[in-house]
């Protein structure tokens, strides 16, 4: 059996291979179908059933199991995750693995369609250096992402969020990786 961290390198290589051989649209379909609609169907069902409490349950368990350094907050109209140290991207960076041009997009690539299916949209930013934040809200809710200054655990106000080497990718009200803001 392949270990969790070794899996990240294979996963990232697979993304690059699919995109090179079949194109970006096929990669987006892979993230949606193979991950959101297949391997993570349990997460989708939990979130459909329990909403924000289901998100808290799923990511609390999953991120703890992966050894992620993160904070989260669950409110009546949103759920937010601030990833301070992503174990997947951290493994790739620490081991000089860089096959796919944007490994971080795979998360929004499967989480976005899963959330859409459950009746939610995603506000998200990632810096390609193992730091990101996620805010989930119901479809149609006018609420905007939380103010970075609202909490000292928001990654956007912490050192290392936006060094000069970081390229920040943004998604607002998204349901997939194809909705990156310009």
N, C-alpha and C. Protein backbone atom coordinates (compact mmCIF):
# COMPACT_ATOMS: atom_id res chain seq x y z
N UNK A 1 0.84 -1.18 0.00
CA UNK A 1 0.00 0.00 0.00
C UNK A 1 0.88 1.24 0.00
N UNK A 2 0.50 2.22 -0.79
CA UNK A 2 1.26 3.47 -0.90
C UNK A 2 0.88 4.39 0.25
N UNK A 3 1.88 5.03 0.83
CA UNK A 3 1.65 5.93 1.94
C UNK A 3 1.04 7.25 1.50
N UNK A 4 0.47 7.97 2.44
CA UNK A 4 -0.23 9.24 2.16
C UNK A 4 0.68 10.23 1.45
N UNK A 5 1.90 10.43 1.95
CA UNK A 5 2.76 11.42 1.34
C UNK A 5 3.27 10.96 -0.02
N UNK A 6 3.61 9.69 -0.17
CA UNK A 6 4.04 9.18 -1.47
C UNK A 6 2.93 9.35 -2.50
N UNK A 7 1.70 9.21 -2.05
CA UNK A 7 0.55 9.36 -2.91
C UNK A 7 0.54 10.73 -3.59
N UNK A 8 0.95 11.78 -2.86
CA UNK A 8 0.91 13.14 -3.40
C UNK A 8 1.75 13.26 -4.66
N UNK A 9 2.93 12.67 -4.68
CA UNK A 9 3.79 12.71 -5.85
C UNK A 9 3.17 12.00 -7.04
N UNK A 10 2.56 10.85 -6.79
CA UNK A 10 1.89 10.11 -7.86
C UNK A 10 0.66 10.86 -8.37
N UNK A 11 -0.06 11.44 -7.45
CA UNK A 11 -1.26 12.21 -7.78
C UNK A 11 -0.89 13.37 -8.71
N UNK A 12 0.13 14.11 -8.31
CA UNK A 12 0.57 15.28 -9.05
C UNK A 12 1.08 14.87 -10.44
N UNK A 13 1.82 13.78 -10.53
CA UNK A 13 2.31 13.28 -11.82
C UNK A 13 1.12 12.90 -12.71
N UNK A 14 0.11 12.27 -12.12
CA UNK A 14 -1.09 11.86 -12.88
C UNK A 14 -1.78 13.08 -13.48
N UNK A 15 -1.90 14.17 -12.71
CA UNK A 15 -2.53 15.39 -13.23
C UNK A 15 -1.78 15.90 -14.46
N UNK A 16 -0.45 15.96 -14.36
CA UNK A 16 0.36 16.44 -15.48
C UNK A 16 0.20 15.52 -16.70
N UNK A 17 0.20 14.22 -16.47
CA UNK A 17 0.08 13.25 -17.56
C UNK A 17 -1.27 13.37 -18.27
N UNK A 18 -2.34 13.45 -17.50
CA UNK A 18 -3.68 13.59 -18.09
C UNK A 18 -3.75 14.86 -18.92
N UNK A 19 -3.30 15.97 -18.34
CA UNK A 19 -3.41 17.24 -19.06
C UNK A 19 -2.55 17.25 -20.33
N UNK A 20 -1.34 16.72 -20.25
CA UNK A 20 -0.45 16.68 -21.42
C UNK A 20 -1.02 15.80 -22.53
N UNK A 21 -1.58 14.67 -22.17
CA UNK A 21 -2.03 13.70 -23.17
C UNK A 21 -3.47 13.89 -23.64
N UNK A 22 -4.30 14.51 -22.81
CA UNK A 22 -5.72 14.60 -23.15
C UNK A 22 -6.31 16.00 -23.07
N UNK A 23 -5.60 16.95 -22.46
CA UNK A 23 -6.06 18.33 -22.39
C UNK A 23 -6.64 18.72 -21.04
N UNK A 24 -6.77 20.02 -20.87
CA UNK A 24 -7.23 20.59 -19.59
C UNK A 24 -8.67 20.20 -19.27
N UNK A 25 -9.54 20.16 -20.28
CA UNK A 25 -10.94 19.81 -20.03
C UNK A 25 -11.08 18.39 -19.49
N UNK A 26 -10.24 17.48 -19.97
CA UNK A 26 -10.28 16.10 -19.48
C UNK A 26 -9.78 16.05 -18.03
N UNK A 27 -8.77 16.86 -17.71
CA UNK A 27 -8.30 16.92 -16.33
C UNK A 27 -9.41 17.44 -15.40
N UNK A 28 -10.11 18.49 -15.83
CA UNK A 28 -11.23 19.00 -15.03
C UNK A 28 -12.29 17.91 -14.83
N UNK A 29 -12.57 17.17 -15.88
CA UNK A 29 -13.55 16.07 -15.79
C UNK A 29 -13.05 14.98 -14.85
N UNK A 30 -11.77 14.70 -14.86
CA UNK A 30 -11.18 13.70 -13.96
C UNK A 30 -11.38 14.11 -12.50
N UNK A 31 -11.05 15.37 -12.19
CA UNK A 31 -11.22 15.85 -10.83
C UNK A 31 -12.68 15.74 -10.39
N UNK A 32 -13.58 16.13 -11.28
CA UNK A 32 -15.01 16.11 -10.97
C UNK A 32 -15.53 14.67 -10.83
N UNK A 33 -15.27 13.85 -11.83
CA UNK A 33 -15.85 12.50 -11.85
C UNK A 33 -15.13 11.51 -10.94
N UNK A 34 -13.81 11.45 -11.03
CA UNK A 34 -13.08 10.44 -10.27
C UNK A 34 -12.96 10.78 -8.79
N UNK A 35 -12.90 12.07 -8.49
CA UNK A 35 -12.72 12.45 -7.08
C UNK A 35 -14.06 12.87 -6.48
N UNK A 36 -14.65 13.96 -6.98
CA UNK A 36 -15.89 14.49 -6.38
C UNK A 36 -17.04 13.50 -6.42
N UNK A 37 -17.20 12.81 -7.56
CA UNK A 37 -18.37 11.95 -7.72
C UNK A 37 -18.10 10.48 -7.43
N UNK A 38 -16.86 10.13 -7.13
CA UNK A 38 -16.54 8.73 -6.85
C UNK A 38 -15.82 8.58 -5.51
N UNK A 39 -14.54 8.92 -5.47
CA UNK A 39 -13.77 8.62 -4.26
C UNK A 39 -14.21 9.43 -3.04
N UNK A 40 -14.86 10.57 -3.26
CA UNK A 40 -15.30 11.40 -2.13
C UNK A 40 -16.82 11.46 -2.00
N UNK A 41 -17.50 10.45 -2.50
CA UNK A 41 -18.96 10.43 -2.42
C UNK A 41 -19.44 10.45 -0.96
N UNK A 42 -18.65 9.85 -0.07
CA UNK A 42 -19.01 9.87 1.35
C UNK A 42 -19.01 11.31 1.90
N UNK A 43 -18.07 12.12 1.45
CA UNK A 43 -18.02 13.52 1.89
C UNK A 43 -19.23 14.28 1.35
N UNK A 44 -19.53 14.05 0.08
CA UNK A 44 -20.68 14.71 -0.54
C UNK A 44 -21.97 14.38 0.19
N UNK A 45 -22.17 13.12 0.52
CA UNK A 45 -23.39 12.70 1.22
C UNK A 45 -23.47 13.32 2.61
N UNK A 46 -22.35 13.35 3.32
CA UNK A 46 -22.31 13.94 4.66
C UNK A 46 -22.65 15.43 4.60
N UNK A 47 -22.09 16.14 3.62
CA UNK A 47 -22.33 17.58 3.51
C UNK A 47 -23.76 17.87 3.06
N UNK A 48 -24.29 17.06 2.15
CA UNK A 48 -25.70 17.22 1.75
C UNK A 48 -26.62 17.03 2.95
N UNK A 49 -26.31 16.03 3.76
CA UNK A 49 -27.16 15.70 4.90
C UNK A 49 -27.05 16.70 6.04
N UNK A 50 -25.83 17.13 6.37
CA UNK A 50 -25.62 17.93 7.57
C UNK A 50 -25.18 19.37 7.31
N UNK A 51 -24.97 19.76 6.05
CA UNK A 51 -24.57 21.13 5.74
C UNK A 51 -23.25 21.52 6.37
N UNK A 52 -23.22 22.68 7.01
CA UNK A 52 -21.98 23.19 7.59
C UNK A 52 -21.43 22.25 8.66
N UNK A 53 -22.30 21.65 9.45
CA UNK A 53 -21.85 20.69 10.46
C UNK A 53 -21.19 19.48 9.80
N UNK A 54 -21.69 19.07 8.64
CA UNK A 54 -21.07 17.98 7.88
C UNK A 54 -19.70 18.36 7.37
N UNK A 55 -19.55 19.63 6.95
CA UNK A 55 -18.24 20.12 6.51
C UNK A 55 -17.25 20.08 7.66
N UNK A 56 -17.70 20.54 8.81
CA UNK A 56 -16.84 20.55 9.99
C UNK A 56 -16.43 19.12 10.36
N UNK A 57 -17.36 18.19 10.29
CA UNK A 57 -17.08 16.79 10.60
C UNK A 57 -16.10 16.19 9.59
N UNK A 58 -16.38 16.39 8.31
CA UNK A 58 -15.54 15.80 7.27
C UNK A 58 -14.12 16.36 7.32
N UNK A 59 -13.98 17.69 7.25
CA UNK A 59 -12.64 18.26 7.20
C UNK A 59 -11.92 18.16 8.54
N UNK A 60 -12.63 18.18 9.63
CA UNK A 60 -11.97 17.98 10.92
C UNK A 60 -11.26 16.64 10.98
N UNK A 61 -11.95 15.61 10.54
CA UNK A 61 -11.37 14.26 10.52
C UNK A 61 -10.27 14.14 9.47
N UNK A 62 -10.56 14.56 8.25
CA UNK A 62 -9.63 14.38 7.13
C UNK A 62 -8.34 15.16 7.32
N UNK A 63 -8.45 16.43 7.67
CA UNK A 63 -7.25 17.25 7.81
C UNK A 63 -6.41 16.83 9.01
N UNK A 64 -7.05 16.36 10.06
CA UNK A 64 -6.29 15.84 11.20
C UNK A 64 -5.54 14.57 10.80
N UNK A 65 -6.19 13.71 10.05
CA UNK A 65 -5.57 12.46 9.59
C UNK A 65 -4.38 12.73 8.67
N UNK A 66 -4.48 13.77 7.86
CA UNK A 66 -3.38 14.13 6.95
C UNK A 66 -2.26 14.89 7.65
N UNK A 67 -2.48 15.34 8.87
CA UNK A 67 -1.47 16.10 9.59
C UNK A 67 -1.37 17.54 9.15
N UNK A 68 -2.47 18.11 8.70
CA UNK A 68 -2.48 19.49 8.24
C UNK A 68 -2.42 20.46 9.41
N UNK A 69 -1.76 21.58 9.20
CA UNK A 69 -1.79 22.67 10.17
C UNK A 69 -2.84 23.65 9.66
N UNK A 70 -3.97 23.74 10.35
CA UNK A 70 -5.09 24.54 9.87
C UNK A 70 -5.92 25.01 11.05
N UNK A 71 -6.79 25.97 10.76
CA UNK A 71 -7.83 26.37 11.70
C UNK A 71 -9.14 26.36 10.91
N UNK A 72 -10.23 26.21 11.61
CA UNK A 72 -11.53 26.26 10.95
C UNK A 72 -12.54 26.93 11.86
N UNK A 73 -13.60 27.43 11.23
CA UNK A 73 -14.69 28.02 12.02
C UNK A 73 -15.99 27.71 11.31
N UNK A 74 -16.97 27.37 12.09
CA UNK A 74 -18.27 27.00 11.56
C UNK A 74 -19.32 27.95 12.14
N UNK A 75 -20.04 28.62 11.26
CA UNK A 75 -21.10 29.52 11.68
C UNK A 75 -22.43 29.07 11.11
N UNK A 76 -23.47 29.82 11.36
CA UNK A 76 -24.79 29.42 10.86
C UNK A 76 -24.92 29.61 9.35
N UNK A 77 -24.07 30.49 8.76
CA UNK A 77 -24.18 30.74 7.32
C UNK A 77 -22.89 30.51 6.54
N UNK A 78 -21.88 29.91 7.18
CA UNK A 78 -20.64 29.63 6.46
C UNK A 78 -19.75 28.67 7.24
N UNK A 79 -18.82 28.09 6.52
CA UNK A 79 -17.76 27.28 7.12
C UNK A 79 -16.46 27.73 6.47
N UNK A 80 -15.44 27.96 7.27
CA UNK A 80 -14.16 28.47 6.77
C UNK A 80 -13.01 27.60 7.27
N UNK A 81 -12.06 27.39 6.36
CA UNK A 81 -10.81 26.69 6.67
C UNK A 81 -9.66 27.61 6.28
N UNK A 82 -8.71 27.78 7.18
CA UNK A 82 -7.45 28.46 6.87
C UNK A 82 -6.34 27.43 6.97
N UNK A 83 -5.74 27.11 5.83
CA UNK A 83 -4.68 26.11 5.77
C UNK A 83 -3.34 26.82 5.94
N UNK A 84 -2.71 26.56 7.08
CA UNK A 84 -1.44 27.21 7.39
C UNK A 84 -0.26 26.42 6.84
N UNK A 85 -0.44 25.12 6.67
CA UNK A 85 0.63 24.28 6.14
C UNK A 85 0.00 23.03 5.52
N UNK A 86 -0.20 23.05 4.20
CA UNK A 86 -0.80 21.92 3.50
C UNK A 86 0.20 20.77 3.42
N UNK A 87 -0.14 19.62 3.95
CA UNK A 87 0.80 18.51 3.91
C UNK A 87 1.08 18.00 2.50
N UNK A 88 0.09 18.06 1.61
CA UNK A 88 0.28 17.61 0.23
C UNK A 88 1.25 18.52 -0.52
N UNK A 89 0.94 19.80 -0.59
CA UNK A 89 1.80 20.74 -1.30
C UNK A 89 3.15 20.85 -0.58
N UNK A 90 3.13 20.79 0.73
CA UNK A 90 4.38 20.83 1.49
C UNK A 90 5.30 19.67 1.13
N UNK A 91 4.74 18.48 0.96
CA UNK A 91 5.53 17.31 0.56
C UNK A 91 6.14 17.54 -0.82
N UNK A 92 5.35 18.05 -1.75
CA UNK A 92 5.85 18.30 -3.11
C UNK A 92 6.98 19.33 -3.09
N UNK A 93 6.78 20.41 -2.36
CA UNK A 93 7.80 21.46 -2.27
C UNK A 93 9.07 20.94 -1.61
N UNK A 94 8.92 20.21 -0.51
CA UNK A 94 10.08 19.70 0.23
C UNK A 94 10.90 18.70 -0.58
N UNK A 95 10.23 18.02 -1.51
CA UNK A 95 10.92 16.99 -2.30
C UNK A 95 11.18 17.41 -3.75
N UNK A 96 10.99 18.69 -4.04
CA UNK A 96 11.29 19.20 -5.37
C UNK A 96 10.44 18.58 -6.47
N UNK A 97 9.21 18.20 -6.15
CA UNK A 97 8.32 17.58 -7.13
C UNK A 97 7.43 18.65 -7.74
N UNK A 98 7.50 18.78 -9.05
CA UNK A 98 6.72 19.80 -9.73
C UNK A 98 6.43 19.36 -11.16
N UNK A 99 5.50 18.46 -11.30
CA UNK A 99 5.13 17.97 -12.63
C UNK A 99 3.97 18.76 -13.22
N UNK A 100 2.97 19.04 -12.40
CA UNK A 100 1.79 19.75 -12.89
C UNK A 100 1.94 21.23 -12.58
N UNK A 101 1.49 22.07 -13.53
CA UNK A 101 1.67 23.52 -13.39
C UNK A 101 0.92 24.14 -12.22
N UNK A 102 -0.15 23.50 -11.75
CA UNK A 102 -0.92 24.07 -10.64
C UNK A 102 -1.58 22.96 -9.82
N UNK A 103 -0.78 22.26 -9.05
CA UNK A 103 -1.27 21.17 -8.21
C UNK A 103 -2.43 21.62 -7.32
N UNK A 104 -2.33 22.84 -6.81
CA UNK A 104 -3.34 23.34 -5.88
C UNK A 104 -4.74 23.40 -6.49
N UNK A 105 -4.83 23.54 -7.80
CA UNK A 105 -6.14 23.61 -8.45
C UNK A 105 -6.94 22.32 -8.30
N UNK A 106 -6.28 21.20 -8.01
CA UNK A 106 -7.05 19.96 -7.91
C UNK A 106 -8.06 20.02 -6.76
N UNK A 107 -7.74 20.76 -5.71
CA UNK A 107 -8.68 20.84 -4.58
C UNK A 107 -9.99 21.51 -5.00
N UNK A 108 -9.89 22.70 -5.60
CA UNK A 108 -11.11 23.36 -6.07
C UNK A 108 -11.73 22.54 -7.21
N UNK A 109 -10.89 21.78 -7.92
CA UNK A 109 -11.38 20.96 -9.02
C UNK A 109 -12.32 19.86 -8.60
N UNK A 110 -12.17 19.35 -7.37
CA UNK A 110 -13.12 18.34 -6.88
C UNK A 110 -14.05 18.90 -5.81
N UNK A 111 -13.55 19.81 -4.99
CA UNK A 111 -14.38 20.37 -3.92
C UNK A 111 -15.48 21.25 -4.50
N UNK A 112 -15.16 22.03 -5.53
CA UNK A 112 -16.16 22.89 -6.15
C UNK A 112 -17.37 22.12 -6.68
N UNK A 113 -17.15 21.09 -7.52
CA UNK A 113 -18.30 20.31 -8.00
C UNK A 113 -19.05 19.59 -6.88
N UNK A 114 -18.32 19.11 -5.87
CA UNK A 114 -18.98 18.46 -4.75
C UNK A 114 -19.88 19.45 -4.01
N UNK A 115 -19.38 20.66 -3.79
CA UNK A 115 -20.17 21.68 -3.10
C UNK A 115 -21.37 22.09 -3.93
N UNK A 116 -21.18 22.22 -5.24
CA UNK A 116 -22.30 22.57 -6.11
C UNK A 116 -23.41 21.53 -5.98
N UNK A 117 -23.03 20.28 -5.99
CA UNK A 117 -23.99 19.18 -5.86
C UNK A 117 -24.73 19.22 -4.52
N UNK A 118 -24.08 19.75 -3.50
CA UNK A 118 -24.68 19.83 -2.17
C UNK A 118 -25.40 21.17 -1.93
N UNK A 119 -25.34 22.09 -2.90
CA UNK A 119 -26.05 23.36 -2.76
C UNK A 119 -25.21 24.49 -2.17
N UNK A 120 -23.88 24.42 -2.34
CA UNK A 120 -22.98 25.44 -1.80
C UNK A 120 -22.06 25.97 -2.88
N UNK A 121 -21.47 27.14 -2.64
CA UNK A 121 -20.43 27.69 -3.49
C UNK A 121 -19.19 27.94 -2.63
N UNK A 122 -18.08 28.20 -3.32
CA UNK A 122 -16.78 28.29 -2.65
C UNK A 122 -16.12 29.64 -2.93
N UNK A 123 -15.64 30.27 -1.89
CA UNK A 123 -14.72 31.40 -2.01
C UNK A 123 -13.38 30.83 -1.53
N UNK A 124 -12.34 31.04 -2.32
CA UNK A 124 -11.07 30.35 -2.04
C UNK A 124 -9.89 31.11 -2.63
N UNK A 125 -8.77 31.07 -1.95
CA UNK A 125 -7.51 31.57 -2.47
C UNK A 125 -6.41 30.59 -2.08
N UNK A 126 -5.45 30.38 -3.00
CA UNK A 126 -4.25 29.61 -2.65
C UNK A 126 -3.02 30.31 -3.19
N UNK A 127 -1.89 30.13 -2.49
CA UNK A 127 -0.68 30.86 -2.85
C UNK A 127 0.41 29.98 -3.47
N UNK A 128 0.12 28.72 -3.75
CA UNK A 128 1.06 27.79 -4.38
C UNK A 128 2.25 27.46 -3.48
N UNK A 129 2.18 27.86 -2.22
CA UNK A 129 3.27 27.61 -1.27
C UNK A 129 2.78 26.82 -0.06
N UNK A 130 1.64 26.15 -0.20
CA UNK A 130 1.11 25.34 0.89
C UNK A 130 0.19 26.08 1.84
N UNK A 131 -0.27 27.25 1.45
CA UNK A 131 -1.19 28.04 2.28
C UNK A 131 -2.41 28.40 1.44
N UNK A 132 -3.59 28.29 2.05
CA UNK A 132 -4.81 28.66 1.35
C UNK A 132 -5.92 28.91 2.36
N UNK A 133 -7.02 29.43 1.87
CA UNK A 133 -8.21 29.55 2.71
C UNK A 133 -9.42 29.21 1.86
N UNK A 134 -10.46 28.73 2.55
CA UNK A 134 -11.72 28.30 1.94
C UNK A 134 -12.87 28.87 2.76
N UNK A 135 -13.89 29.37 2.08
CA UNK A 135 -15.11 29.77 2.76
C UNK A 135 -16.27 29.22 1.93
N UNK A 136 -17.14 28.46 2.58
CA UNK A 136 -18.27 27.82 1.92
C UNK A 136 -19.55 28.49 2.37
N UNK A 137 -20.43 28.76 1.40
CA UNK A 137 -21.72 29.37 1.70
C UNK A 137 -22.77 28.76 0.78
N UNK A 138 -24.02 28.92 1.15
CA UNK A 138 -25.12 28.37 0.34
C UNK A 138 -25.24 29.10 -0.99
N UNK A 139 -25.64 28.40 -2.02
CA UNK A 139 -25.90 29.01 -3.33
C UNK A 139 -26.94 30.12 -3.13
N UNK A 140 -26.69 31.25 -3.75
CA UNK A 140 -27.64 32.37 -3.67
C UNK A 140 -27.43 33.28 -2.49
N UNK A 141 -26.63 32.88 -1.55
CA UNK A 141 -26.34 33.72 -0.38
C UNK A 141 -25.43 34.86 -0.82
N UNK A 142 -25.82 36.08 -0.56
CA UNK A 142 -25.07 37.24 -1.02
C UNK A 142 -23.80 37.48 -0.19
N UNK A 143 -23.68 36.80 0.91
CA UNK A 143 -22.55 36.99 1.81
C UNK A 143 -21.22 36.88 1.07
N UNK A 144 -20.31 37.79 1.35
CA UNK A 144 -18.98 37.77 0.76
C UNK A 144 -18.00 37.05 1.71
N UNK A 145 -16.82 36.69 1.19
CA UNK A 145 -15.83 36.04 2.06
C UNK A 145 -15.56 36.89 3.30
N UNK A 146 -15.18 36.23 4.37
CA UNK A 146 -14.94 36.95 5.62
C UNK A 146 -13.76 37.90 5.48
N UNK A 147 -13.81 38.96 6.24
CA UNK A 147 -12.74 39.95 6.27
C UNK A 147 -11.51 39.31 6.89
N UNK A 148 -10.34 39.41 6.23
CA UNK A 148 -9.14 38.79 6.78
C UNK A 148 -8.81 39.26 8.20
N UNK A 149 -9.18 40.47 8.52
CA UNK A 149 -8.87 41.01 9.85
C UNK A 149 -9.86 40.54 10.92
N UNK A 150 -10.87 39.76 10.51
CA UNK A 150 -11.91 39.33 11.45
C UNK A 150 -11.37 38.32 12.47
N UNK A 151 -10.29 37.65 12.14
CA UNK A 151 -9.74 36.65 13.05
C UNK A 151 -8.23 36.59 12.90
N UNK A 152 -7.53 36.41 14.00
CA UNK A 152 -6.07 36.30 13.93
C UNK A 152 -5.63 34.98 13.33
N UNK A 153 -6.54 34.02 13.15
CA UNK A 153 -6.16 32.75 12.53
C UNK A 153 -6.32 32.77 11.01
N UNK A 154 -6.88 33.87 10.44
CA UNK A 154 -6.99 33.98 8.98
C UNK A 154 -5.59 34.01 8.37
N UNK A 155 -5.34 33.11 7.45
CA UNK A 155 -4.04 32.96 6.83
C UNK A 155 -3.60 34.23 6.11
N UNK A 156 -4.56 35.01 5.61
CA UNK A 156 -4.22 36.21 4.85
C UNK A 156 -3.48 37.28 5.65
N UNK A 157 -3.58 37.25 6.97
CA UNK A 157 -2.89 38.25 7.79
C UNK A 157 -1.62 37.70 8.43
N UNK A 158 -1.25 36.48 8.08
CA UNK A 158 -0.08 35.85 8.68
C UNK A 158 1.15 35.99 7.79
N UNK A 159 2.33 36.02 8.42
CA UNK A 159 3.56 36.07 7.62
C UNK A 159 3.63 34.87 6.68
N UNK A 160 4.13 35.10 5.49
CA UNK A 160 4.28 34.02 4.53
C UNK A 160 3.11 33.83 3.60
N UNK A 161 2.01 34.59 3.81
CA UNK A 161 0.86 34.42 2.92
C UNK A 161 1.16 34.94 1.52
N UNK A 162 1.71 36.12 1.41
CA UNK A 162 1.92 36.71 0.09
C UNK A 162 3.33 37.23 -0.11
N UNK A 163 4.34 36.35 0.01
CA UNK A 163 5.69 36.82 -0.30
C UNK A 163 5.79 37.17 -1.79
N UNK A 164 6.83 37.87 -2.17
CA UNK A 164 6.95 38.30 -3.56
C UNK A 164 6.96 37.12 -4.54
N UNK A 165 7.33 35.94 -4.07
CA UNK A 165 7.36 34.76 -4.94
C UNK A 165 6.00 34.09 -5.11
N UNK A 166 5.01 34.54 -4.35
CA UNK A 166 3.70 33.88 -4.37
C UNK A 166 2.81 34.44 -5.47
N UNK A 167 2.14 33.54 -6.16
CA UNK A 167 1.10 33.91 -7.11
C UNK A 167 -0.22 33.47 -6.46
N UNK A 168 -1.06 34.41 -6.14
CA UNK A 168 -2.32 34.10 -5.47
C UNK A 168 -3.40 33.83 -6.53
N UNK A 169 -4.01 32.64 -6.46
CA UNK A 169 -5.15 32.31 -7.30
C UNK A 169 -6.42 32.51 -6.48
N UNK A 170 -7.45 33.13 -7.10
CA UNK A 170 -8.69 33.48 -6.40
C UNK A 170 -9.91 32.88 -7.10
N UNK A 171 -10.85 32.47 -6.28
CA UNK A 171 -12.13 31.94 -6.75
C UNK A 171 -13.21 32.57 -5.88
N UNK A 172 -14.25 33.12 -6.49
CA UNK A 172 -15.32 33.75 -5.72
C UNK A 172 -16.66 33.17 -6.19
N UNK A 173 -17.37 32.53 -5.28
CA UNK A 173 -18.65 31.91 -5.62
C UNK A 173 -18.48 30.78 -6.61
N UNK A 174 -17.37 30.07 -6.54
CA UNK A 174 -16.99 29.08 -7.54
C UNK A 174 -17.58 27.70 -7.25
N UNK A 175 -17.65 26.93 -8.32
CA UNK A 175 -18.04 25.52 -8.22
C UNK A 175 -17.10 24.65 -9.04
N UNK A 176 -15.92 25.18 -9.39
CA UNK A 176 -14.94 24.41 -10.14
C UNK A 176 -13.67 25.18 -10.41
N UNK A 177 -12.64 24.45 -10.85
CA UNK A 177 -11.33 25.03 -11.10
C UNK A 177 -11.31 25.94 -12.33
N UNK A 178 -12.31 25.85 -13.16
CA UNK A 178 -12.38 26.67 -14.37
C UNK A 178 -12.92 28.07 -14.09
N UNK A 179 -13.14 28.43 -12.83
CA UNK A 179 -13.71 29.73 -12.47
C UNK A 179 -12.71 30.62 -11.75
N UNK A 180 -11.44 30.46 -12.06
CA UNK A 180 -10.39 31.29 -11.45
C UNK A 180 -10.59 32.74 -11.87
N UNK A 181 -10.43 33.65 -10.91
CA UNK A 181 -10.56 35.08 -11.18
C UNK A 181 -9.30 35.58 -11.87
N UNK A 182 -9.45 36.51 -12.77
CA UNK A 182 -8.30 37.09 -13.49
C UNK A 182 -7.52 38.03 -12.59
